[in-house]
Amino acid sequence: QVQLVESGGGLVQAGGSLNLSCAASGSIFRSNTMGWYRQAPGKQREVVAQITSGGRTNYADSVKGRFTISRDNAKNTVYLEMNSLKSEDTTVYYCYAQVIASTSLGNRYLEVWGQGTLVTVSS
């Protein structure tokens, strides 16, 4: 079984910064694309940033220039550095990972989600 554990959410004033991290644990053979999504109440979950195992990144237009995604492949961990935070960034952020898990029946492709961490930006 593979799990994602997030940390780093909290309360910050507008213009401030927060760093999120997400560590994948379990019998992981390899992690592929990892990323961060967010979902406001009553809205669909949307991608914030993604990063491939090779380091290629993709950002939502709303966060380009303010957020930076990075990863440590050896630790199966993905990070999100959030700067110049705005009130509209307030919501729950979810970590996501595509992993190849090692099982007794062989390697298995999984898509895994974290439990979510709340980011609140006060204006």
Protein backbone atom coordinates (compact mmCIF):
# COMPACT_ATOMS: atom_id res chain seq x y z
CA GLN A 1 0.00 0.00 0.00
CA VAL A 2 1.25 3.47 -0.88
CA GLN A 3 0.36 6.57 1.11
CA LEU A 4 1.02 10.27 0.66
CA VAL A 5 1.55 12.38 3.75
CA GLU A 6 1.33 16.15 3.37
CA SER A 7 2.61 18.85 5.67
CA GLY A 8 3.14 22.58 5.71
CA GLY A 9 -0.29 24.12 5.37
CA GLY A 10 -1.46 26.87 7.65
CA LEU A 11 -2.38 30.53 7.98
CA VAL A 12 -0.40 33.31 6.35
CA GLN A 13 -1.00 36.94 5.52
CA ALA A 14 -1.43 38.04 1.93
CA GLY A 15 1.95 38.52 0.30
CA GLY A 16 3.52 35.93 2.52
CA SER A 17 4.95 32.49 1.82
CA LEU A 18 4.27 28.88 2.72
CA ASN A 19 6.02 25.65 1.84
CA LEU A 20 4.18 22.38 1.38
CA SER A 21 5.75 18.96 1.28
CA CYS A 22 4.39 15.52 0.46
CA ALA A 23 6.17 12.26 1.09
CA ALA A 24 5.15 8.99 -0.51
CA SER A 25 5.66 5.89 1.59
CA GLY A 26 5.18 2.18 1.04
CA SER A 27 6.57 -0.35 -1.37
CA ILE A 28 7.41 2.04 -4.17
CA PHE A 29 9.42 0.81 -7.13
CA ARG A 30 9.34 4.19 -8.85
CA SER A 31 7.37 7.43 -8.69
CA ASN A 32 6.43 9.11 -11.95
CA THR A 33 4.54 12.40 -12.16
CA MET A 34 3.82 14.07 -8.84
CA GLY A 35 1.90 17.23 -8.26
CA TRP A 36 -0.37 19.49 -6.29
CA TYR A 37 -4.04 20.16 -6.84
CA ARG A 38 -6.47 22.36 -4.97
CA GLN A 39 -10.21 22.38 -4.52
CA ALA A 40 -12.35 25.22 -3.25
CA PRO A 41 -15.82 24.51 -1.86
CA GLY A 42 -18.32 23.93 -4.64
CA LYS A 43 -15.64 23.86 -7.32
CA GLN A 44 -13.81 21.16 -9.22
CA ARG A 45 -10.35 20.08 -8.18
CA GLU A 46 -7.79 21.90 -10.30
CA VAL A 47 -4.13 21.32 -10.97
CA VAL A 48 -1.74 23.76 -9.34
CA ALA A 49 1.58 22.31 -10.46
CA GLN A 50 3.02 19.05 -11.72
CA ILE A 51 6.53 17.67 -12.05
CA THR A 52 7.72 14.60 -13.90
CA SER A 53 10.40 12.26 -12.63
CA GLY A 54 12.78 14.00 -15.03
CA GLY A 55 12.03 17.40 -13.56
CA ARG A 56 9.74 18.83 -16.24
CA THR A 57 7.20 21.17 -14.63
CA ASN A 58 3.76 22.49 -15.47
CA TYR A 59 1.88 25.27 -13.65
CA ALA A 60 -1.59 26.70 -13.60
CA ASP A 61 -1.62 30.19 -15.09
CA SER A 62 -2.88 31.60 -11.79
CA VAL A 63 0.28 30.55 -9.92
CA LYS A 64 3.00 30.98 -12.54
CA GLY A 65 5.82 33.13 -11.22
CA ARG A 66 4.65 32.73 -7.62
CA PHE A 67 4.77 28.97 -6.94
CA THR A 68 7.64 26.57 -7.51
CA ILE A 69 7.34 22.79 -7.51
CA SER A 70 10.31 20.53 -6.92
CA ARG A 71 10.97 16.93 -5.92
CA ASP A 72 13.49 14.61 -4.37
CA ASN A 73 13.28 11.31 -6.25
CA ALA A 74 15.40 9.48 -3.69
CA LYS A 75 12.90 10.39 -0.99
CA ASN A 76 9.77 10.15 -3.19
CA THR A 77 8.90 13.62 -1.94
CA VAL A 78 7.41 16.59 -3.75
CA TYR A 79 7.50 20.19 -2.54
CA LEU A 80 5.54 23.32 -3.32
CA GLU A 81 7.03 26.69 -2.50
CA MET A 82 4.30 29.32 -2.50
CA ASN A 83 5.22 32.99 -2.56
CA SER A 84 3.23 36.20 -2.92
CA LEU A 85 0.17 34.41 -1.65
CA LYS A 86 -3.24 35.92 -2.36
CA SER A 87 -6.57 35.48 -0.62
CA GLU A 88 -7.82 33.55 -3.65
CA ASP A 89 -5.15 30.89 -2.96
CA THR A 90 -7.09 29.94 0.17
CA THR A 91 -8.33 26.37 -0.09
CA VAL A 92 -7.37 22.76 0.53
CA TYR A 93 -4.29 21.54 -1.34
CA TYR A 94 -3.93 17.89 -2.30
CA CYS A 95 -0.79 16.01 -3.20
CA TYR A 96 -0.96 13.55 -6.09
CA ALA A 97 1.42 10.89 -7.33
CA GLN A 98 1.64 8.30 -10.04
CA VAL A 99 3.69 5.45 -8.66
CA ILE A 100 4.80 1.99 -9.60
CA ALA A 101 4.26 -0.07 -6.45
CA SER A 102 5.99 -3.35 -5.73
CA THR A 103 3.53 -6.05 -4.73
CA SER A 104 3.64 -9.80 -4.22
CA LEU A 105 2.06 -10.13 -7.66
CA GLY A 106 4.58 -7.85 -9.33
CA ASN A 107 4.75 -4.14 -10.06
CA ARG A 108 1.49 -2.26 -10.15
CA TYR A 109 0.64 1.24 -11.42
CA LEU A 110 -1.22 3.38 -8.87
CA GLU A 111 -2.57 6.92 -8.70
CA VAL A 112 -2.52 8.10 -5.11
CA TRP A 113 -3.90 11.19 -3.36
CA GLY A 114 -2.97 12.78 -0.07
CA GLN A 115 -5.48 13.69 2.60
CA GLY A 116 -5.28 17.41 1.90
CA THR A 117 -3.80 20.34 3.78
CA LEU A 118 -5.53 23.66 4.34
CA VAL A 119 -3.89 26.88 3.22
CA THR A 120 -5.51 30.06 4.48
CA VAL A 121 -4.38 33.46 3.25
CA SER A 122 -5.71 36.43 5.19
CA SER A 123 -6.11 39.77 3.48
